[in-house]
C-alpha atoms as a PDB file:
ATOM      1  CA  MET A   1     121.418 104.690  89.690  1.00  0.00           C
ATOM      2  CA  SER A   2     121.325 106.069  93.204  1.00  0.00           C
ATOM      3  CA  LEU A   3     122.568 109.649  92.826  1.00  0.00           C
ATOM      4  CA  SER A   4     120.815 109.954  89.466  1.00  0.00           C
ATOM      5  CA  SER A   5     117.546 108.669  90.938  1.00  0.00           C
ATOM      6  CA  VAL A   6     117.782 111.324  93.672  1.00  0.00           C
ATOM      7  CA  ARG A   7     118.438 113.997  91.019  1.00  0.00           C
ATOM      8  CA  SER A   8     115.336 112.854  89.104  1.00  0.00           C
ATOM      9  CA  PHE A   9     113.232 112.778  92.273  1.00  0.00           C
ATOM     10  CA  LEU A  10     114.274 116.312  93.240  1.00  0.00           C
ATOM     11  CA  ALA A  11     113.798 117.651  89.700  1.00  0.00           C
ATOM     12  CA  GLU A  12     110.199 116.515  89.895  1.00  0.00           C
ATOM     13  CA  ARG A  13     109.296 117.287  93.512  1.00  0.00           C
ATOM     14  CA  ALA A  14     111.710 119.970  94.707  1.00  0.00           C
ATOM     15  CA  PRO A  15     113.622 121.566  91.830  1.00  0.00           C
ATOM     16  CA  GLU A  16     114.820 124.385  94.098  1.00  0.00           C
ATOM     17  CA  ILE A  17     116.955 121.973  96.156  1.00  0.00           C
ATOM     18  CA  ALA A  18     120.533 121.411  95.005  1.00  0.00           C
ATOM     19  CA  ILE A  19     122.576 118.307  95.700  1.00  0.00           C
ATOM     20  CA  ILE A  20     125.925 119.055  97.324  1.00  0.00           C
ATOM     21  CA  GLU A  21     128.738 116.723  96.288  1.00  0.00           C
ATOM     22  CA  THR A  22     131.971 116.741  98.277  1.00  0.00           C
ATOM     23  CA  SER A  23     135.326 115.091  97.776  1.00  0.00           C
ATOM     24  CA  ALA A  24     135.168 114.046 101.420  1.00  0.00           C
ATOM     25  CA  SER A  25     133.069 111.060 102.424  1.00  0.00           C
ATOM     26  CA  SER A  26     129.881 111.792 104.307  1.00  0.00           C
ATOM     27  CA  ALA A  27     129.078 108.105 104.852  1.00  0.00           C
ATOM     28  CA  THR A  28     128.840 108.417 108.643  1.00  0.00           C
ATOM     29  CA  VAL A  29     127.244 111.067 110.827  1.00  0.00           C
ATOM     30  CA  PRO A  30     130.589 112.481 112.089  1.00  0.00           C
ATOM     31  CA  LEU A  31     132.057 112.561 108.560  1.00  0.00           C
ATOM     32  CA  ALA A  32     128.899 114.163 107.142  1.00  0.00           C
ATOM     33  CA  ALA A  33     128.852 116.806 109.879  1.00  0.00           C
ATOM     34  CA  GLN A  34     132.480 117.652 109.178  1.00  0.00           C
ATOM     35  CA  ALA A  35     132.010 117.691 105.392  1.00  0.00           C
ATOM     36  CA  HIS A  36     128.984 120.007 105.597  1.00  0.00           C
ATOM     37  CA  GLY A  37     130.002 122.214 108.520  1.00  0.00           C
ATOM     38  CA  VAL A  38     127.087 121.340 110.792  1.00  0.00           C
ATOM     39  CA  GLU A  39     126.636 119.681 114.167  1.00  0.00           C
ATOM     40  CA  PRO A  40     126.201 115.881 114.066  1.00  0.00           C
ATOM     41  CA  ALA A  41     122.618 116.236 115.343  1.00  0.00           C
ATOM     42  CA  GLN A  42     121.761 118.256 112.214  1.00  0.00           C
ATOM     43  CA  ILE A  43     122.599 115.318 109.933  1.00  0.00           C
ATOM     44  CA  ALA A  44     119.355 113.570 108.949  1.00  0.00           C
ATOM     45  CA  LYS A  45     120.206 109.882 108.982  1.00  0.00           C
ATOM     46  CA  THR A  46     117.902 107.402 107.274  1.00  0.00           C
ATOM     47  CA  LEU A  47     117.368 104.093 109.052  1.00  0.00           C
ATOM     48  CA  SER A  48     116.197 101.120 106.977  1.00  0.00           C
ATOM     49  CA  LEU A  49     113.985  98.968 109.188  1.00  0.00           C
ATOM     50  CA  ARG A  50     112.065  95.741 108.818  1.00  0.00           C
ATOM     51  CA  VAL A  51     108.798  95.287 110.707  1.00  0.00           C
ATOM     52  CA  GLY A  52     107.577  91.758 110.056  1.00  0.00           C
ATOM     53  CA  ASP A  53     107.541  91.459 106.256  1.00  0.00           C
ATOM     54  CA  ALA A  54     107.395  95.219 105.689  1.00  0.00           C
ATOM     55  CA  VAL A  55     110.262  97.691 105.251  1.00  0.00           C
ATOM     56  CA  VAL A  56     110.064 101.299 106.429  1.00  0.00           C
ATOM     57  CA  LEU A  57     112.502 104.193 106.422  1.00  0.00           C
ATOM     58  CA  VAL A  58     112.859 106.432 109.453  1.00  0.00           C
ATOM     59  CA  VAL A  59     114.704 109.729 109.074  1.00  0.00           C
ATOM     60  CA  THR A  60     116.040 110.936 112.399  1.00  0.00           C
ATOM     61  CA  SER A  61     118.549 113.357 113.863  1.00  0.00           C
ATOM     62  CA  GLY A  62     122.120 112.171 113.486  1.00  0.00           C
ATOM     63  CA  THR A  63     122.596 111.824 117.238  1.00  0.00           C
ATOM     64  CA  ALA A  64     119.222 110.249 118.002  1.00  0.00           C
ATOM     65  CA  ARG A  65     118.951 106.544 118.719  1.00  0.00           C
ATOM     66  CA  LEU A  66     115.935 104.408 117.948  1.00  0.00           C
ATOM     67  CA  ASP A  67     113.790 103.624 120.981  1.00  0.00           C
ATOM     68  CA  ASN A  68     112.686 100.040 120.354  1.00  0.00           C
ATOM     69  CA  LYS A  69     109.671 100.286 122.665  1.00  0.00           C
ATOM     70  CA  LYS A  70     108.387 103.441 120.946  1.00  0.00           C
ATOM     71  CA  ALA A  71     109.103 101.992 117.487  1.00  0.00           C
ATOM     72  CA  ARG A  72     107.222  98.781 118.318  1.00  0.00           C
ATOM     73  CA  ALA A  73     104.217 100.842 119.450  1.00  0.00           C
ATOM     74  CA  VAL A  74     104.275 103.072 116.343  1.00  0.00           C
ATOM     75  CA  PHE A  75     104.885 100.323 113.775  1.00  0.00           C
ATOM     76  CA  GLY A  76     102.886  97.542 115.424  1.00  0.00           C
ATOM     77  CA  GLY A  77     105.694  95.037 115.800  1.00  0.00           C
ATOM     78  CA  LYS A  78     109.323  94.425 116.584  1.00  0.00           C
ATOM     79  CA  VAL A  79     111.680  96.445 114.372  1.00  0.00           C
ATOM     80  CA  ARG A  80     115.131  95.428 113.220  1.00  0.00           C
ATOM     81  CA  MET A  81     117.689  97.095 111.029  1.00  0.00           C
ATOM     82  CA  LEU A  82     118.064  95.699 107.514  1.00  0.00           C
ATOM     83  CA  GLY A  83     121.294  93.823 106.946  1.00  0.00           C
ATOM     84  CA  LEU A  84     124.019  95.690 105.083  1.00  0.00           C
ATOM     85  CA  ASP A  85     123.533  93.333 102.133  1.00  0.00           C
ATOM     86  CA  GLU A  86     119.798  94.164 101.985  1.00  0.00           C
ATOM     87  CA  VAL A  87     119.963  97.949 102.196  1.00  0.00           C
ATOM     88  CA  GLU A  88     121.026  98.737  98.617  1.00  0.00           C
ATOM     89  CA  ALA A  89     118.769  96.067  97.110  1.00  0.00           C
ATOM     90  CA  VAL A  90     115.735  97.456  98.933  1.00  0.00           C
ATOM     91  CA  THR A  91     116.396 101.220  98.763  1.00  0.00           C
ATOM     92  CA  GLY A  92     118.518 101.501  95.630  1.00  0.00           C
ATOM     93  CA  HIS A  93     121.089 103.458  97.661  1.00  0.00           C
ATOM     94  CA  PRO A  94     124.429 102.240  99.015  1.00  0.00           C
ATOM     95  CA  VAL A  95     125.130 102.269 102.734  1.00  0.00           C
ATOM     96  CA  GLY A  96     126.403 105.771 103.521  1.00  0.00           C
ATOM     97  CA  GLY A  97     124.118 107.321 100.899  1.00  0.00           C
ATOM     98  CA  VAL A  98     120.743 105.984 102.035  1.00  0.00           C
ATOM     99  CA  CYS A  99     118.060 108.652 101.920  1.00  0.00           C
ATOM    100  CA  PRO A 100     114.279 108.866 101.461  1.00  0.00           C
ATOM    101  CA  PHE A 101     114.577 110.297  97.932  1.00  0.00           C
ATOM    102  CA  GLY A 102     114.611 108.427  94.608  1.00  0.00           C
ATOM    103  CA  LEU A 103     113.975 105.009  96.089  1.00  0.00           C
ATOM    104  CA  ALA A 104     114.136 101.819  94.003  1.00  0.00           C
ATOM    105  CA  ALA A 105     110.531 101.039  94.981  1.00  0.00           C
ATOM    106  CA  PRO A 106     107.938 102.788  97.126  1.00  0.00           C
ATOM    107  CA  ILE A 107     108.775 102.436 100.830  1.00  0.00           C
ATOM    108  CA  PRO A 108     106.850 104.194 103.625  1.00  0.00           C
ATOM    109  CA  VAL A 109     108.907 107.086 105.025  1.00  0.00           C
ATOM    110  CA  TYR A 110     108.646 108.423 108.566  1.00  0.00           C
ATOM    111  CA  CYS A 111     110.344 111.486 110.033  1.00  0.00           C
ATOM    112  CA  ASP A 112     111.230 111.422 113.708  1.00  0.00           C
ATOM    113  CA  ILE A 113     110.341 114.537 115.674  1.00  0.00           C
ATOM    114  CA  SER A 114     114.044 114.925 116.586  1.00  0.00           C
ATOM    115  CA  LEU A 115     114.454 116.666 113.199  1.00  0.00           C
ATOM    116  CA  LYS A 116     112.116 119.478 114.262  1.00  0.00           C
ATOM    117  CA  ALA A 117     114.824 120.932 116.516  1.00  0.00           C
ATOM    118  CA  PHE A 118     116.487 122.387 113.400  1.00  0.00           C
ATOM    119  CA  ASP A 119     115.569 124.910 110.704  1.00  0.00           C
ATOM    120  CA  VAL A 120     117.658 122.937 108.197  1.00  0.00           C
ATOM    121  CA  VAL A 121     118.857 119.327 108.220  1.00  0.00           C
ATOM    122  CA  VAL A 122     121.361 117.565 105.977  1.00  0.00           C
ATOM    123  CA  PRO A 123     120.334 114.136 104.659  1.00  0.00           C
ATOM    124  CA  ALA A 124     122.392 112.042 102.248  1.00  0.00           C
ATOM    125  CA  ALA A 125     121.511 112.213  98.561  1.00  0.00           C
ATOM    126  CA  GLY A 126     122.100 108.699  97.286  1.00  0.00           C
ATOM    127  CA  SER A 127     125.884 108.335  97.509  1.00  0.00           C
ATOM    128  CA  PRO A 128     128.495 108.399 100.289  1.00  0.00           C
ATOM    129  CA  ASN A 129     129.695 111.872  99.251  1.00  0.00           C
ATOM    130  CA  SER A 130     126.453 113.676  98.440  1.00  0.00           C
ATOM    131  CA  ALA A 131     123.871 115.439 100.572  1.00  0.00           C
ATOM    132  CA  LEU A 132     121.429 118.315 100.518  1.00  0.00           C
ATOM    133  CA  ARG A 133     120.135 120.982 102.866  1.00  0.00           C
ATOM    134  CA  ILE A 134     116.411 120.997 103.551  1.00  0.00           C
ATOM    135  CA  ALA A 135     113.903 122.179 106.146  1.00  0.00           C
ATOM    136  CA  PRO A 136     112.485 119.208 108.074  1.00  0.00           C
ATOM    137  CA  ASP A 137     108.885 120.038 107.126  1.00  0.00           C
ATOM    138  CA  ARG A 138     109.870 120.231 103.445  1.00  0.00           C
ATOM    139  CA  LEU A 139     111.642 116.867 103.723  1.00  0.00           C
ATOM    140  CA  ALA A 140     108.466 115.318 105.147  1.00  0.00           C
ATOM    141  CA  GLU A 141     106.348 117.011 102.491  1.00  0.00           C
ATOM    142  CA  ILE A 142     108.286 115.862  99.426  1.00  0.00           C
ATOM    143  CA  THR A 143     108.704 112.286 100.719  1.00  0.00           C
ATOM    144  CA  GLU A 144     105.085 112.096 101.923  1.00  0.00           C
ATOM    145  CA  ALA A 145     106.430 111.123 105.330  1.00  0.00           C
ATOM    146  CA  GLN A 146     104.461 110.845 108.526  1.00  0.00           C
ATOM    147  CA  TRP A 147     105.869 112.412 111.689  1.00  0.00           C
ATOM    148  CA  VAL A 148     106.570 109.953 114.504  1.00  0.00           C
ATOM    149  CA  ASP A 149     108.259 109.904 117.897  1.00  0.00           C
ATOM    150  CA  VAL A 150     110.518 106.839 117.881  1.00  0.00           C
ATOM    151  CA  GLY A 151     113.809 108.268 119.166  1.00  0.00           C
ATOM    152  CA  GLN A 152     115.468 108.096 122.530  1.00  0.00           C
ATOM    153  CA  ALA A 153     116.394 111.362 124.100  1.00  0.00           C
ATOM    154  CA  PRO A 154     120.106 112.047 123.513  1.00  0.00           C
ATOM    155  CA  PRO A 155     122.267 111.466 126.588  1.00  0.00           C
ATOM    156  CA  ALA A 156     122.955 114.544 128.677  1.00  0.00           C
ATOM    157  CA  ASP A 157     126.446 115.961 128.279  1.00  0.00           C
END
């Protein structure tokens, strides 16, 4: 269902965007960056979070880490990652393919401002070997996401 639900979502909301399928896994940020020829920071990773009884998705730069203090302030409570066994049941996507497109049920989507550093980002597309290229503002537009600042600054090199 996952890849096909993303295809259906894009056909309706962004028919100009093509899904890129690779033979290489893109299930982790380093693998995705290698498979798509971009820097790890340009990968748009989707975090599945629980805040109390609610679930939210936060799309952030591949190298950004969640700042728990900022996230608590934005979402009004302590956030925790969904368990691996919960992710697919809640999103409809397997771990490694989680994205804000074609979800199993409506889930609020948030885009972290770390994505705005790039003209194009590369989120997964519903499977561990699929992705797409999209401008951050377009990603927020088609997923009806709100922009938030919940990331830690990346460590200095």
